[in-house]
Every structure is written in C-alpha cells, then in structure tokens.
Amino acid sequence: MGGSQADWLRDRRVSWMWFAAFGVAALGWLAIPGAWGALLAAAGFTTAGGLCAVNAVRCRRVHCVVTAPVYLLAGLAFLLRAGGANVAAHTIIAAAAVGTIVGFIPEWLGRRYWNSARDRPAV
C-alpha cells in the first residue's frame, strides 16, 4: 500500500481523532487548573503523538515523523507538570507549536511522504 492510501490524515474515520486529541489538550491547558488540567493536556498530546507515530510507520508522512516525538514529549512534559515539576505550560505549548511548524515545512515545499518518487534513487 502506497503512502497516500495508508495515510490516516486522508481517512475521515480516523482523522477526526487528531482534532479530538488537541481539543482535550486545549481543555486541560486552558480550562482546568492544576494537576488535573495538566493530566488532561498530557493525555491529549500523548494521543496525538501516538496517532502521528502510527501514521508515520504506516505511510511515512513527513510531518508525522517530526510531530510524533514532539507531541509525545509535550505529553511527558505535561505529565511532569502534573507531578509538580516547574514546567511552564505556555513553554510546552510554544515548543509543540514550533515543532509542528517545522514538521510541516517539507510538506509545504512539496515533500509529503518520505517514500515518494523523489526519494528513490535513479536507476
């Protein structure tokens, strides 16, 4: 199965899960104070990171290869925050936003999948 056929972002049955995961993260970050909010944000980012990791393995989507570890680290940082670590929530969000932008740059320049024809050596 080629990259675009295996891409969960093109599958409406799965793609909504990213929006739900980020909604949960935003709810935890913005609306629920303290450790419970940080746990909710951690769950949202971890879910988004897990979805990206699976999608990266399935179809080698360029931004998912970058954003999966970014979101998983954001989830870990919010988990540490919930445990009492002095990690500013706005710093975690800013780092995740920058990581997301960096992950999309190659796609904006025309490279959507690592296994595209441009990535194969000429024979």
PDB file of N, CA and C in Angstrom:
ATOM      1  N   MET A   1       0.848  -1.181   0.000  1.00  0.00           N
ATOM      2  CA  MET A   1       0.000   0.000   0.000  1.00  0.00           C
ATOM      3  C   MET A   1       0.885   1.232   0.000  1.00  0.00           C
ATOM      4  N   GLY A   2       0.654   2.143  -0.916  1.00  0.00           N
ATOM      5  CA  GLY A   2       1.448   3.354  -1.028  1.00  0.00           C
ATOM      6  C   GLY A   2       1.160   4.336   0.088  1.00  0.00           C
ATOM      7  N   GLY A   3       1.956   5.398   0.124  1.00  0.00           N
ATOM      8  CA  GLY A   3       1.857   6.380   1.187  1.00  0.00           C
ATOM      9  C   GLY A   3       0.482   6.988   1.325  1.00  0.00           C
ATOM     10  N   SER A   4      -0.076   7.487   0.227  1.00  0.00           N
ATOM     11  CA  SER A   4      -1.347   8.188   0.342  1.00  0.00           C
ATOM     12  C   SER A   4      -2.500   7.245   0.678  1.00  0.00           C
ATOM     13  N   GLN A   5      -2.447   5.987   0.245  1.00  0.00           N
ATOM     14  CA  GLN A   5      -3.520   5.051   0.574  1.00  0.00           C
ATOM     15  C   GLN A   5      -3.514   4.677   2.052  1.00  0.00           C
ATOM     16  N   ALA A   6      -2.354   4.665   2.695  1.00  0.00           N
ATOM     17  CA  ALA A   6      -2.246   4.282   4.098  1.00  0.00           C
ATOM     18  C   ALA A   6      -2.325   5.480   5.041  1.00  0.00           C
ATOM     19  N   ASP A   7      -2.415   6.669   4.502  1.00  0.00           N
ATOM     20  CA  ASP A   7      -2.364   7.892   5.300  1.00  0.00           C
ATOM     21  C   ASP A   7      -3.665   8.101   6.069  1.00  0.00           C
ATOM     22  N   TRP A   8      -3.573   8.072   7.395  1.00  0.00           N
ATOM     23  CA  TRP A   8      -4.749   8.274   8.231  1.00  0.00           C
ATOM     24  C   TRP A   8      -5.311   9.685   8.105  1.00  0.00           C
ATOM     25  N   LEU A   9      -4.478  10.658   7.731  1.00  0.00           N
ATOM     26  CA  LEU A   9      -4.993  12.013   7.579  1.00  0.00           C
ATOM     27  C   LEU A   9      -5.978  12.117   6.429  1.00  0.00           C
ATOM     28  N   ARG A  10      -5.948  11.166   5.526  1.00  0.00           N
ATOM     29  CA  ARG A  10      -6.871  11.154   4.390  1.00  0.00           C
ATOM     30  C   ARG A  10      -8.080  10.257   4.668  1.00  0.00           C
ATOM     31  N   ASP A  11      -8.129   9.651   5.840  1.00  0.00           N
ATOM     32  CA  ASP A  11      -9.209   8.737   6.212  1.00  0.00           C
ATOM     33  C   ASP A  11     -10.117   9.429   7.227  1.00  0.00           C
ATOM     34  N   ARG A  12     -11.318   9.772   6.828  1.00  0.00           N
ATOM     35  CA  ARG A  12     -12.241  10.503   7.708  1.00  0.00           C
ATOM     36  C   ARG A  12     -12.609   9.708   8.958  1.00  0.00           C
ATOM     37  N   ARG A  13     -12.514   8.393   8.881  1.00  0.00           N
ATOM     38  CA  ARG A  13     -12.837   7.575  10.050  1.00  0.00           C
ATOM     39  C   ARG A  13     -11.808   7.739  11.157  1.00  0.00           C
ATOM     40  N   VAL A  14     -10.603   8.205  10.817  1.00  0.00           N
ATOM     41  CA  VAL A  14      -9.522   8.334  11.797  1.00  0.00           C
ATOM     42  C   VAL A  14      -9.097   9.783  11.994  1.00  0.00           C
ATOM     43  N   SER A  15      -9.131  10.596  10.961  1.00  0.00           N
ATOM     44  CA  SER A  15      -8.551  11.941  11.026  1.00  0.00           C
ATOM     45  C   SER A  15      -9.179  12.824  12.101  1.00  0.00           C
ATOM     46  N   TRP A  16     -10.428  12.619  12.440  1.00  0.00           N
ATOM     47  CA  TRP A  16     -11.092  13.407  13.471  1.00  0.00           C
ATOM     48  C   TRP A  16     -10.429  13.229  14.835  1.00  0.00           C
ATOM     49  N   MET A  17      -9.728  12.111  15.023  1.00  0.00           N
ATOM     50  CA  MET A  17      -9.117  11.837  16.329  1.00  0.00           C
ATOM     51  C   MET A  17      -8.047  12.863  16.698  1.00  0.00           C
ATOM     52  N   TRP A  18      -7.338  13.424  15.686  1.00  0.00           N
ATOM     53  CA  TRP A  18      -6.350  14.457  15.991  1.00  0.00           C
ATOM     54  C   TRP A  18      -7.039  15.689  16.568  1.00  0.00           C
ATOM     55  N   PHE A  19      -8.149  16.079  15.963  1.00  0.00           N
ATOM     56  CA  PHE A  19      -8.879  17.249  16.464  1.00  0.00           C
ATOM     57  C   PHE A  19      -9.385  16.996  17.883  1.00  0.00           C
ATOM     58  N   ALA A  20      -9.874  15.795  18.133  1.00  0.00           N
ATOM     59  CA  ALA A  20     -10.347  15.459  19.473  1.00  0.00           C
ATOM     60  C   ALA A  20      -9.190  15.479  20.472  1.00  0.00           C
ATOM     61  N   ALA A  21      -8.046  14.925  20.081  1.00  0.00           N
ATOM     62  CA  ALA A  21      -6.889  14.894  20.980  1.00  0.00           C
ATOM     63  C   ALA A  21      -6.414  16.305  21.313  1.00  0.00           C
ATOM     64  N   PHE A  22      -6.347  17.167  20.304  1.00  0.00           N
ATOM     65  CA  PHE A  22      -5.920  18.549  20.564  1.00  0.00           C
ATOM     66  C   PHE A  22      -6.980  19.322  21.335  1.00  0.00           C
ATOM     67  N   GLY A  23      -8.242  18.981  21.142  1.00  0.00           N
ATOM     68  CA  GLY A  23      -9.305  19.589  21.936  1.00  0.00           C
ATOM     69  C   GLY A  23      -9.171  19.230  23.405  1.00  0.00           C
ATOM     70  N   VAL A  24      -8.858  17.977  23.682  1.00  0.00           N
ATOM     71  CA  VAL A  24      -8.637  17.536  25.060  1.00  0.00           C
ATOM     72  C   VAL A  24      -7.426  18.244  25.651  1.00  0.00           C
ATOM     73  N   ALA A  25      -6.353  18.348  24.878  1.00  0.00           N
ATOM     74  CA  ALA A  25      -5.151  19.046  25.357  1.00  0.00           C
ATOM     75  C   ALA A  25      -5.456  20.512  25.645  1.00  0.00           C
ATOM     76  N   ALA A  26      -6.191  21.162  24.763  1.00  0.00           N
ATOM     77  CA  ALA A  26      -6.533  22.569  24.965  1.00  0.00           C
ATOM     78  C   ALA A  26      -7.447  22.746  26.171  1.00  0.00           C
ATOM     79  N   LEU A  27      -8.383  21.844  26.353  1.00  0.00           N
ATOM     80  CA  LEU A  27      -9.272  21.899  27.514  1.00  0.00           C
ATOM     81  C   LEU A  27      -8.465  21.803  28.803  1.00  0.00           C
ATOM     82  N   GLY A  28      -7.550  20.848  28.830  1.00  0.00           N
ATOM     83  CA  GLY A  28      -6.712  20.691  30.021  1.00  0.00           C
ATOM     84  C   GLY A  28      -5.806  21.882  30.260  1.00  0.00           C
ATOM     85  N   TRP A  29      -5.271  22.435  29.201  1.00  0.00           N
ATOM     86  CA  TRP A  29      -4.339  23.562  29.332  1.00  0.00           C
ATOM     87  C   TRP A  29      -5.061  24.845  29.712  1.00  0.00           C
ATOM     88  N   LEU A  30      -6.190  25.116  29.070  1.00  0.00           N
ATOM     89  CA  LEU A  30      -6.845  26.414  29.211  1.00  0.00           C
ATOM     90  C   LEU A  30      -7.980  26.463  30.233  1.00  0.00           C
ATOM     91  N   ALA A  31      -8.690  25.364  30.422  1.00  0.00           N
ATOM     92  CA  ALA A  31      -9.921  25.435  31.210  1.00  0.00           C
ATOM     93  C   ALA A  31      -9.860  24.764  32.575  1.00  0.00           C
ATOM     94  N   ILE A  32      -8.968  23.826  32.754  1.00  0.00           N
ATOM     95  CA  ILE A  32      -8.935  23.088  34.013  1.00  0.00           C
ATOM     96  C   ILE A  32      -7.621  23.378  34.724  1.00  0.00           C
ATOM     97  N   PRO A  33      -7.691  23.987  35.891  1.00  0.00           N
ATOM     98  CA  PRO A  33      -6.473  24.365  36.597  1.00  0.00           C
ATOM     99  C   PRO A  33      -5.797  23.175  37.301  1.00  0.00           C
ATOM    100  N   GLY A  34      -4.525  23.362  37.573  1.00  0.00           N
ATOM    101  CA  GLY A  34      -3.782  22.417  38.405  1.00  0.00           C
ATOM    102  C   GLY A  34      -3.408  21.126  37.723  1.00  0.00           C
ATOM    103  N   ALA A  35      -3.195  20.122  38.573  1.00  0.00           N
ATOM    104  CA  ALA A  35      -2.703  18.826  38.109  1.00  0.00           C
ATOM    105  C   ALA A  35      -3.696  18.128  37.182  1.00  0.00           C
ATOM    106  N   TRP A  36      -5.009  18.269  37.436  1.00  0.00           N
ATOM    107  CA  TRP A  36      -5.997  17.619  36.579  1.00  0.00           C
ATOM    108  C   TRP A  36      -5.956  18.168  35.157  1.00  0.00           C
ATOM    109  N   GLY A  37      -5.781  19.459  35.030  1.00  0.00           N
ATOM    110  CA  GLY A  37      -5.658  20.051  33.702  1.00  0.00           C
ATOM    111  C   GLY A  37      -4.402  19.588  32.993  1.00  0.00           C
ATOM    112  N   ALA A  38      -3.303  19.511  33.747  1.00  0.00           N
ATOM    113  CA  ALA A  38      -2.045  19.034  33.160  1.00  0.00           C
ATOM    114  C   ALA A  38      -2.161  17.575  32.730  1.00  0.00           C
ATOM    115  N   LEU A  39      -2.861  16.759  33.516  1.00  0.00           N
ATOM    116  CA  LEU A  39      -3.066  15.355  33.135  1.00  0.00           C
ATOM    117  C   LEU A  39      -3.915  15.251  31.866  1.00  0.00           C
ATOM    118  N   LEU A  40      -4.930  16.087  31.772  1.00  0.00           N
ATOM    119  CA  LEU A  40      -5.771  16.080  30.574  1.00  0.00           C
ATOM    120  C   LEU A  40      -4.968  16.523  29.349  1.00  0.00           C
ATOM    121  N   ALA A  41      -4.161  17.572  29.510  1.00  0.00           N
ATOM    122  CA  ALA A  41      -3.310  18.023  28.404  1.00  0.00           C
ATOM    123  C   ALA A  41      -2.309  16.935  28.021  1.00  0.00           C
ATOM    124  N   ALA A  42      -1.758  16.250  29.014  1.00  0.00           N
ATOM    125  CA  ALA A  42      -0.826  15.150  28.737  1.00  0.00           C
ATOM    126  C   ALA A  42      -1.512  14.046  27.945  1.00  0.00           C
ATOM    127  N   ALA A  43      -2.744  13.710  28.334  1.00  0.00           N
ATOM    128  CA  ALA A  43      -3.486  12.676  27.612  1.00  0.00           C
ATOM    129  C   ALA A  43      -3.741  13.099  26.167  1.00  0.00           C
ATOM    130  N   GLY A  44      -4.107  14.354  25.958  1.00  0.00           N
ATOM    131  CA  GLY A  44      -4.362  14.831  24.605  1.00  0.00           C
ATOM    132  C   GLY A  44      -3.121  14.793  23.733  1.00  0.00           C
ATOM    133  N   PHE A  45      -2.008  15.316  24.264  1.00  0.00           N
ATOM    134  CA  PHE A  45      -0.774  15.312  23.471  1.00  0.00           C
ATOM    135  C   PHE A  45      -0.260  13.895  23.239  1.00  0.00           C
ATOM    136  N   THR A  46      -0.377  13.033  24.233  1.00  0.00           N
ATOM    137  CA  THR A  46       0.093  11.660  24.064  1.00  0.00           C
ATOM    138  C   THR A  46      -0.737  10.929  23.013  1.00  0.00           C
ATOM    139  N   THR A  47      -2.041  11.163  23.013  1.00  0.00           N
ATOM    140  CA  THR A  47      -2.899  10.564  21.996  1.00  0.00           C
ATOM    141  C   THR A  47      -2.521  11.060  20.601  1.00  0.00           C
ATOM    142  N   ALA A  48      -2.347  12.378  20.463  1.00  0.00           N
ATOM    143  CA  ALA A  48      -1.950  12.939  19.170  1.00  0.00           C
ATOM    144  C   ALA A  48      -0.590  12.384  18.734  1.00  0.00           C
ATOM    145  N   GLY A  49       0.351  12.295  19.665  1.00  0.00           N
ATOM    146  CA  GLY A  49       1.669  11.747  19.347  1.00  0.00           C
ATOM    147  C   GLY A  49       1.610  10.293  18.933  1.00  0.00           C
ATOM    148  N   GLY A  50       0.772   9.525  19.622  1.00  0.00           N
ATOM    149  CA  GLY A  50       0.605   8.120  19.247  1.00  0.00           C
ATOM    150  C   GLY A  50      -0.007   7.963  17.868  1.00  0.00           C
ATOM    151  N   LEU A  51      -1.009   8.783  17.562  1.00  0.00           N
ATOM    152  CA  LEU A  51      -1.607   8.753  16.224  1.00  0.00           C
ATOM    153  C   LEU A  51      -0.573   9.101  15.158  1.00  0.00           C
ATOM    154  N   CYS A  52       0.233  10.127  15.429  1.00  0.00           N
ATOM    155  CA  CYS A  52       1.272  10.515  14.468  1.00  0.00           C
ATOM    156  C   CYS A  52       2.314   9.410  14.310  1.00  0.00           C
ATOM    157  N   ALA A  53       2.683   8.773  15.419  1.00  0.00           N
ATOM    158  CA  ALA A  53       3.691   7.705  15.346  1.00  0.00           C
ATOM    159  C   ALA A  53       3.193   6.546  14.485  1.00  0.00           C
ATOM    160  N   VAL A  54       1.954   6.128  14.694  1.00  0.00           N
ATOM    161  CA  VAL A  54       1.398   5.040  13.889  1.00  0.00           C
ATOM    162  C   VAL A  54       1.282   5.467  12.426  1.00  0.00           C
ATOM    163  N   ASN A  55       0.838   6.700  12.199  1.00  0.00           N
ATOM    164  CA  ASN A  55       0.720   7.173  10.823  1.00  0.00           C
ATOM    165  C   ASN A  55       2.093   7.275  10.154  1.00  0.00           C
ATOM    166  N   ALA A  56       3.101   7.673  10.898  1.00  0.00           N
ATOM    167  CA  ALA A  56       4.460   7.750  10.349  1.00  0.00           C
ATOM    168  C   ALA A  56       4.953   6.371   9.922  1.00  0.00           C
ATOM    169  N   VAL A  57       4.646   5.363  10.711  1.00  0.00           N
ATOM    170  CA  VAL A  57       5.047   3.996  10.367  1.00  0.00           C
ATOM    171  C   VAL A  57       4.227   3.479   9.186  1.00  0.00           C
ATOM    172  N   ARG A  58       2.933   3.764   9.180  1.00  0.00           N
ATOM    173  CA  ARG A  58       2.041   3.276   8.117  1.00  0.00           C
ATOM    174  C   ARG A  58       2.377   3.853   6.754  1.00  0.00           C
ATOM    175  N   CYS A  59       2.566   5.180   6.686  1.00  0.00           N
ATOM    176  CA  CYS A  59       2.677   5.796   5.359  1.00  0.00           C
ATOM    177  C   CYS A  59       3.905   6.688   5.193  1.00  0.00           C
ATOM    178  N   ARG A  60       4.681   6.854   6.255  1.00  0.00           N
ATOM    179  CA  ARG A  60       5.897   7.680   6.227  1.00  0.00           C
ATOM    180  C   ARG A  60       5.585   9.140   5.890  1.00  0.00           C
ATOM    181  N   ARG A  61       4.496   9.645   6.435  1.00  0.00           N
ATOM    182  CA  ARG A  61       4.128  11.057   6.259  1.00  0.00           C
ATOM    183  C   ARG A  61       5.195  11.913   6.935  1.00  0.00           C
ATOM    184  N   VAL A  62       5.741  12.864   6.208  1.00  0.00           N
ATOM    185  CA  VAL A  62       6.887  13.641   6.678  1.00  0.00           C
ATOM    186  C   VAL A  62       6.594  14.347   7.996  1.00  0.00           C
ATOM    187  N   HIS A  63       5.495  15.082   8.069  1.00  0.00           N
ATOM    188  CA  HIS A  63       5.280  15.844   9.303  1.00  0.00           C
ATOM    189  C   HIS A  63       5.013  14.927  10.486  1.00  0.00           C
ATOM    190  N   CYS A  64       4.430  13.743  10.257  1.00  0.00           N
ATOM    191  CA  CYS A  64       4.178  12.820  11.370  1.00  0.00           C
ATOM    192  C   CYS A  64       5.482  12.273  11.956  1.00  0.00           C
ATOM    193  N   VAL A  65       6.491  12.113  11.110  1.00  0.00           N
ATOM    194  CA  VAL A  65       7.796  11.662  11.601  1.00  0.00           C
ATOM    195  C   VAL A  65       8.373  12.685  12.577  1.00  0.00           C
ATOM    196  N   VAL A  66       8.104  13.960  12.339  1.00  0.00           N
ATOM    197  CA  VAL A  66       8.600  15.028  13.213  1.00  0.00           C
ATOM    198  C   VAL A  66       7.668  15.258  14.392  1.00  0.00           C
ATOM    199  N   THR A  67       6.369  15.328  14.141  1.00  0.00           N
ATOM    200  CA  THR A  67       5.444  15.716  15.201  1.00  0.00           C
ATOM    201  C   THR A  67       5.190  14.613  16.221  1.00  0.00           C
ATOM    202  N   ALA A  68       5.336  13.352  15.837  1.00  0.00           N
ATOM    203  CA  ALA A  68       5.111  12.275  16.811  1.00  0.00           C
ATOM    204  C   ALA A  68       5.994  12.450  18.052  1.00  0.00           C
ATOM    205  N   PRO A  69       7.314  12.574  17.908  1.00  0.00           N
ATOM    206  CA  PRO A  69       8.117  12.765  19.125  1.00  0.00           C
ATOM    207  C   PRO A  69       7.859  14.108  19.798  1.00  0.00           C
ATOM    208  N   VAL A  70       7.540  15.130  19.020  1.00  0.00           N
ATOM    209  CA  VAL A  70       7.247  16.446  19.615  1.00  0.00           C
ATOM    210  C   VAL A  70       6.038  16.334  20.536  1.00  0.00           C
ATOM    211  N   TYR A  71       4.964  15.722  20.054  1.00  0.00           N
ATOM    212  CA  TYR A  71       3.748  15.614  20.858  1.00  0.00           C
ATOM    213  C   TYR A  71       3.925  14.651  22.026  1.00  0.00           C
ATOM    214  N   LEU A  72       4.667  13.581  21.822  1.00  0.00           N
ATOM    215  CA  LEU A  72       4.915  12.662  22.937  1.00  0.00           C
ATOM    216  C   LEU A  72       5.745  13.337  24.024  1.00  0.00           C
ATOM    217  N   LEU A  73       6.712  14.149  23.636  1.00  0.00           N
ATOM    218  CA  LEU A  73       7.491  14.903  24.629  1.00  0.00           C
ATOM    219  C   LEU A  73       6.634  15.962  25.316  1.00  0.00           C
ATOM    220  N   ALA A  74       5.727  16.592  24.578  1.00  0.00           N
ATOM    221  CA  ALA A  74       4.810  17.551  25.194  1.00  0.00           C
ATOM    222  C   ALA A  74       3.921  16.841  26.210  1.00  0.00           C
ATOM    223  N   GLY A  75       3.452  15.654  25.863  1.00  0.00           N
ATOM    224  CA  GLY A  75       2.657  14.865  26.809  1.00  0.00           C
ATOM    225  C   GLY A  75       3.446  14.534  28.054  1.00  0.00           C
ATOM    226  N   LEU A  76       4.706  14.150  27.875  1.00  0.00           N
ATOM    227  CA  LEU A  76       5.569  13.855  29.022  1.00  0.00           C
ATOM    228  C   LEU A  76       5.795  15.101  29.871  1.00  0.00           C
ATOM    229  N   ALA A  77       6.012  16.238  29.221  1.00  0.00           N
ATOM    230  CA  ALA A  77       6.231  17.481  29.957  1.00  0.00           C
ATOM    231  C   ALA A  77       4.988  17.859  30.767  1.00  0.00           C
ATOM    232  N   PHE A  78       3.805  17.687  30.199  1.00  0.00           N
ATOM    233  CA  PHE A  78       2.582  17.965  30.965  1.00  0.00           C
ATOM    234  C   PHE A  78       2.399  16.949  32.090  1.00  0.00           C
ATOM    235  N   LEU A  79       2.814  15.726  31.869  1.00  0.00           N
ATOM    236  CA  LEU A  79       2.753  14.725  32.933  1.00  0.00           C
ATOM    237  C   LEU A  79       3.684  15.113  34.083  1.00  0.00           C
ATOM    238  N   LEU A  80       4.893  15.566  33.745  1.00  0.00           N
ATOM    239  CA  LEU A  80       5.814  16.046  34.774  1.00  0.00           C
ATOM    240  C   LEU A  80       5.225  17.250  35.498  1.00  0.00           C
ATOM    241  N   ARG A  81       4.584  18.120  34.751  1.00  0.00           N
ATOM    242  CA  ARG A  81       3.927  19.294  35.346  1.00  0.00           C
ATOM    243  C   ARG A  81       2.844  18.858  36.325  1.00  0.00           C
ATOM    244  N   ALA A  82       2.075  17.840  35.946  1.00  0.00           N
ATOM    245  CA  ALA A  82       1.030  17.327  36.837  1.00  0.00           C
ATOM    246  C   ALA A  82       1.635  16.750  38.114  1.00  0.00           C
ATOM    247  N   GLY A  83       2.843  16.214  37.991  1.00  0.00           N
ATOM    248  CA  GLY A  83       3.530  15.656  39.148  1.00  0.00           C
ATOM    249  C   GLY A  83       4.234  16.681  40.009  1.00  0.00           C
ATOM    250  N   GLY A  84       4.149  17.959  39.639  1.00  0.00           N
ATOM    251  CA  GLY A  84       4.716  19.017  40.454  1.00  0.00           C
ATOM    252  C   GLY A  84       5.973  19.664  39.902  1.00  0.00           C
ATOM    253  N   ALA A  85       6.440  19.211  38.745  1.00  0.00           N
ATOM    254  CA  ALA A  85       7.639  19.819  38.151  1.00  0.00           C
ATOM    255  C   ALA A  85       7.326  21.251  37.729  1.00  0.00           C
ATOM    256  N   ASN A  86       8.322  22.094  37.815  1.00  0.00           N
ATOM    257  CA  ASN A  86       8.162  23.504  37.469  1.00  0.00           C
ATOM    258  C   ASN A  86       8.389  23.688  35.967  1.00  0.00           C
ATOM    259  N   VAL A  87       7.408  23.263  35.194  1.00  0.00           N
ATOM    260  CA  VAL A  87       7.454  23.381  33.733  1.00  0.00           C
ATOM    261  C   VAL A  87       6.289  24.281  33.324  1.00  0.00           C
ATOM    262  N   ALA A  88       6.589  25.382  32.696  1.00  0.00           N
ATOM    263  CA  ALA A  88       5.545  26.321  32.308  1.00  0.00           C
ATOM    264  C   ALA A  88       4.723  25.763  31.146  1.00  0.00           C
ATOM    265  N   ALA A  89       3.412  25.785  31.287  1.00  0.00           N
ATOM    266  CA  ALA A  89       2.530  25.252  30.255  1.00  0.00           C
ATOM    267  C   ALA A  89       2.697  26.002  28.939  1.00  0.00           C
ATOM    268  N   HIS A  90       2.855  27.306  29.000  1.00  0.00           N
ATOM    269  CA  HIS A  90       3.000  28.063  27.753  1.00  0.00           C
ATOM    270  C   HIS A  90       4.295  27.701  27.025  1.00  0.00           C
ATOM    271  N   THR A  91       5.307  27.282  27.744  1.00  0.00           N
ATOM    272  CA  THR A  91       6.561  26.837  27.115  1.00  0.00           C
ATOM    273  C   THR A  91       6.348  25.522  26.369  1.00  0.00           C
ATOM    274  N   ILE A  92       5.598  24.626  26.982  1.00  0.00           N
ATOM    275  CA  ILE A  92       5.299  23.336  26.343  1.00  0.00           C
ATOM    276  C   ILE A  92       4.498  23.573  25.063  1.00  0.00           C
ATOM    277  N   ILE A  93       3.484  24.414  25.164  1.00  0.00           N
ATOM    278  CA  ILE A  93       2.629  24.699  24.010  1.00  0.00           C
ATOM    279  C   ILE A  93       3.441  25.371  22.899  1.00  0.00           C
ATOM    280  N   ALA A  94       4.294  26.326  23.273  1.00  0.00           N
ATOM    281  CA  ALA A  94       5.114  27.024  22.270  1.00  0.00           C
ATOM    282  C   ALA A  94       6.056  26.045  21.565  1.00  0.00           C
ATOM    283  N   ALA A  95       6.672  25.146  22.339  1.00  0.00           N
ATOM    284  CA  ALA A  95       7.582  24.164  21.743  1.00  0.00           C
ATOM    285  C   ALA A  95       6.820  23.229  20.799  1.00  0.00           C
ATOM    286  N   ALA A  96       5.622  22.811  21.203  1.00  0.00           N
ATOM    287  CA  ALA A  96       4.811  21.946  20.335  1.00  0.00           C
ATOM    288  C   ALA A  96       4.401  22.682  19.061  1.00  0.00           C
ATOM    289  N   ALA A  97       4.065  23.956  19.184  1.00  0.00           N
ATOM    290  CA  ALA A  97       3.683  24.742  18.003  1.00  0.00           C
ATOM    291  C   ALA A  97       4.862  24.898  17.047  1.00  0.00           C
ATOM    292  N   VAL A  98       6.036  25.198  17.581  1.00  0.00           N
ATOM    293  CA  VAL A  98       7.228  25.341  16.739  1.00  0.00           C
ATOM    294  C   VAL A  98       7.563  24.002  16.077  1.00  0.00           C
ATOM    295  N   GLY A  99       7.489  22.913  16.841  1.00  0.00           N
ATOM    296  CA  GLY A  99       7.743  21.590  16.278  1.00  0.00           C
ATOM    297  C   GLY A  99       6.771  21.238  15.169  1.00  0.00           C
ATOM    298  N   THR A 100       5.519  21.631  15.341  1.00  0.00           N
ATOM    299  CA  THR A 100       4.513  21.381  14.311  1.00  0.00           C
ATOM    300  C   THR A 100       4.834  22.148  13.042  1.00  0.00           C
ATOM    301  N   ILE A 101       5.181  23.404  13.191  1.00  0.00           N
ATOM    302  CA  ILE A 101       5.530  24.223  12.020  1.00  0.00           C
ATOM    303  C   ILE A 101       6.746  23.649  11.310  1.00  0.00           C
ATOM    304  N   VAL A 102       7.770  23.299  12.057  1.00  0.00           N
ATOM    305  CA  VAL A 102       8.980  22.711  11.469  1.00  0.00           C
ATOM    306  C   VAL A 102       8.627  21.414  10.734  1.00  0.00           C
ATOM    307  N   GLY A 103       7.748  20.611  11.319  1.00  0.00           N
ATOM    308  CA  GLY A 103       7.350  19.353  10.692  1.00  0.00           C
ATOM    309  C   GLY A 103       6.626  19.535   9.376  1.00  0.00           C
ATOM    310  N   PHE A 104       5.893  20.635   9.235  1.00  0.00           N
ATOM    311  CA  PHE A 104       5.134  20.869   8.013  1.00  0.00           C
ATOM    312  C   PHE A 104       5.938  21.560   6.919  1.00  0.00           C
ATOM    313  N   ILE A 105       7.069  22.146   7.216  1.00  0.00           N
ATOM    314  CA  ILE A 105       7.845  22.864   6.204  1.00  0.00           C
ATOM    315  C   ILE A 105       8.164  21.998   4.983  1.00  0.00           C
ATOM    316  N   PRO A 106       8.670  20.766   5.164  1.00  0.00           N
ATOM    317  CA  PRO A 106       8.937  19.950   3.961  1.00  0.00           C
ATOM    318  C   PRO A 106       7.676  19.692   3.131  1.00  0.00           C
ATOM    319  N   GLU A 107       6.523  19.536   3.797  1.00  0.00           N
ATOM    320  CA  GLU A 107       5.290  19.305   3.048  1.00  0.00           C
ATOM    321  C   GLU A 107       4.882  20.551   2.283  1.00  0.00           C
ATOM    322  N   TRP A 108       5.067  21.716   2.877  1.00  0.00           N
ATOM    323  CA  TRP A 108       4.763  22.959   2.178  1.00  0.00           C
ATOM    324  C   TRP A 108       5.668  23.146   0.962  1.00  0.00           C
ATOM    325  N   LEU A 109       6.850  22.535   1.024  1.00  0.00           N
ATOM    326  CA  LEU A 109       7.793  22.623  -0.100  1.00  0.00           C
ATOM    327  C   LEU A 109       7.625  21.472  -1.090  1.00  0.00           C
ATOM    328  N   GLY A 110       6.614  20.620  -0.898  1.00  0.00           N
ATOM    329  CA  GLY A 110       6.301  19.595  -1.880  1.00  0.00           C
ATOM    330  C   GLY A 110       6.639  18.175  -1.512  1.00  0.00           C
ATOM    331  N   ARG A 111       7.172  17.926  -0.347  1.00  0.00           N
ATOM    332  CA  ARG A 111       7.515  16.553   0.036  1.00  0.00           C
ATOM    333  C   ARG A 111       6.542  16.072   1.103  1.00  0.00           C
ATOM    334  N   ARG A 112       5.546  15.294   0.721  1.00  0.00           N
ATOM    335  CA  ARG A 112       4.532  14.829   1.668  1.00  0.00           C
ATOM    336  C   ARG A 112       4.912  13.505   2.324  1.00  0.00           C
ATOM    337  N   TYR A 113       5.561  12.604   1.572  1.00  0.00           N
ATOM    338  CA  TYR A 113       5.912  11.280   2.087  1.00  0.00           C
ATOM    339  C   TYR A 113       7.396  11.029   1.868  1.00  0.00           C
ATOM    340  N   TRP A 114       8.025  10.337   2.800  1.00  0.00           N
ATOM    341  CA  TRP A 114       9.442  10.008   2.661  1.00  0.00           C
ATOM    342  C   TRP A 114       9.671   9.011   1.541  1.00  0.00           C
ATOM    343  N   ASN A 115       8.682   8.221   1.209  1.00  0.00           N
ATOM    344  CA  ASN A 115       8.857   7.202   0.174  1.00  0.00           C
ATOM    345  C   ASN A 115       8.332   7.651  -1.178  1.00  0.00           C
ATOM    346  N   SER A 116       8.310   8.960  -1.421  1.00  0.00           N
ATOM    347  CA  SER A 116       7.832   9.449  -2.715  1.00  0.00           C
ATOM    348  C   SER A 116       8.868   9.152  -3.797  1.00  0.00           C
ATOM    349  N   ALA A 117       8.483   9.340  -5.032  1.00  0.00           N
ATOM    350  CA  ALA A 117       9.373   9.050  -6.162  1.00  0.00           C
ATOM    351  C   ALA A 117      10.657   9.867  -6.077  1.00  0.00           C
ATOM    352  N   ARG A 118      10.596  11.070  -5.524  1.00  0.00           N
ATOM    353  CA  ARG A 118      11.793  11.895  -5.401  1.00  0.00           C
ATOM    354  C   ARG A 118      12.809  11.277  -4.447  1.00  0.00           C
ATOM    355  N   ASP A 119      12.341  10.412  -3.528  1.00  0.00           N
ATOM    356  CA  ASP A 119      13.238   9.819  -2.543  1.00  0.00           C
ATOM    357  C   ASP A 119      13.916   8.548  -3.042  1.00  0.00           C
ATOM    358  N   ARG A 120      13.442   8.005  -4.166  1.00  0.00           N
ATOM    359  CA  ARG A 120      14.038   6.763  -4.675  1.00  0.00           C
ATOM    360  C   ARG A 120      15.223   7.100  -5.573  1.00  0.00           C
ATOM    361  N   PRO A 121      16.296   6.312  -5.467  1.00  0.00           N
ATOM    362  CA  PRO A 121      17.452   6.584  -6.334  1.00  0.00           C
ATOM    363  C   PRO A 121      17.124   6.289  -7.797  1.00  0.00           C
ATOM    364  N   ALA A 122      17.725   7.080  -8.666  1.00  0.00           N
ATOM    365  CA  ALA A 122      17.533   6.879 -10.109  1.00  0.00           C
ATOM    366  C   ALA A 122      18.218   5.593 -10.520  1.00  0.00           C
ATOM    367  N   VAL A 123      17.585   4.844 -11.440  1.00  0.00           N
ATOM    368  CA  VAL A 123      18.159   3.570 -11.886  1.00  0.00           C
ATOM    369  C   VAL A 123      18.735   3.738 -13.266  1.00  0.00           C
TER     370      VAL A 123
END
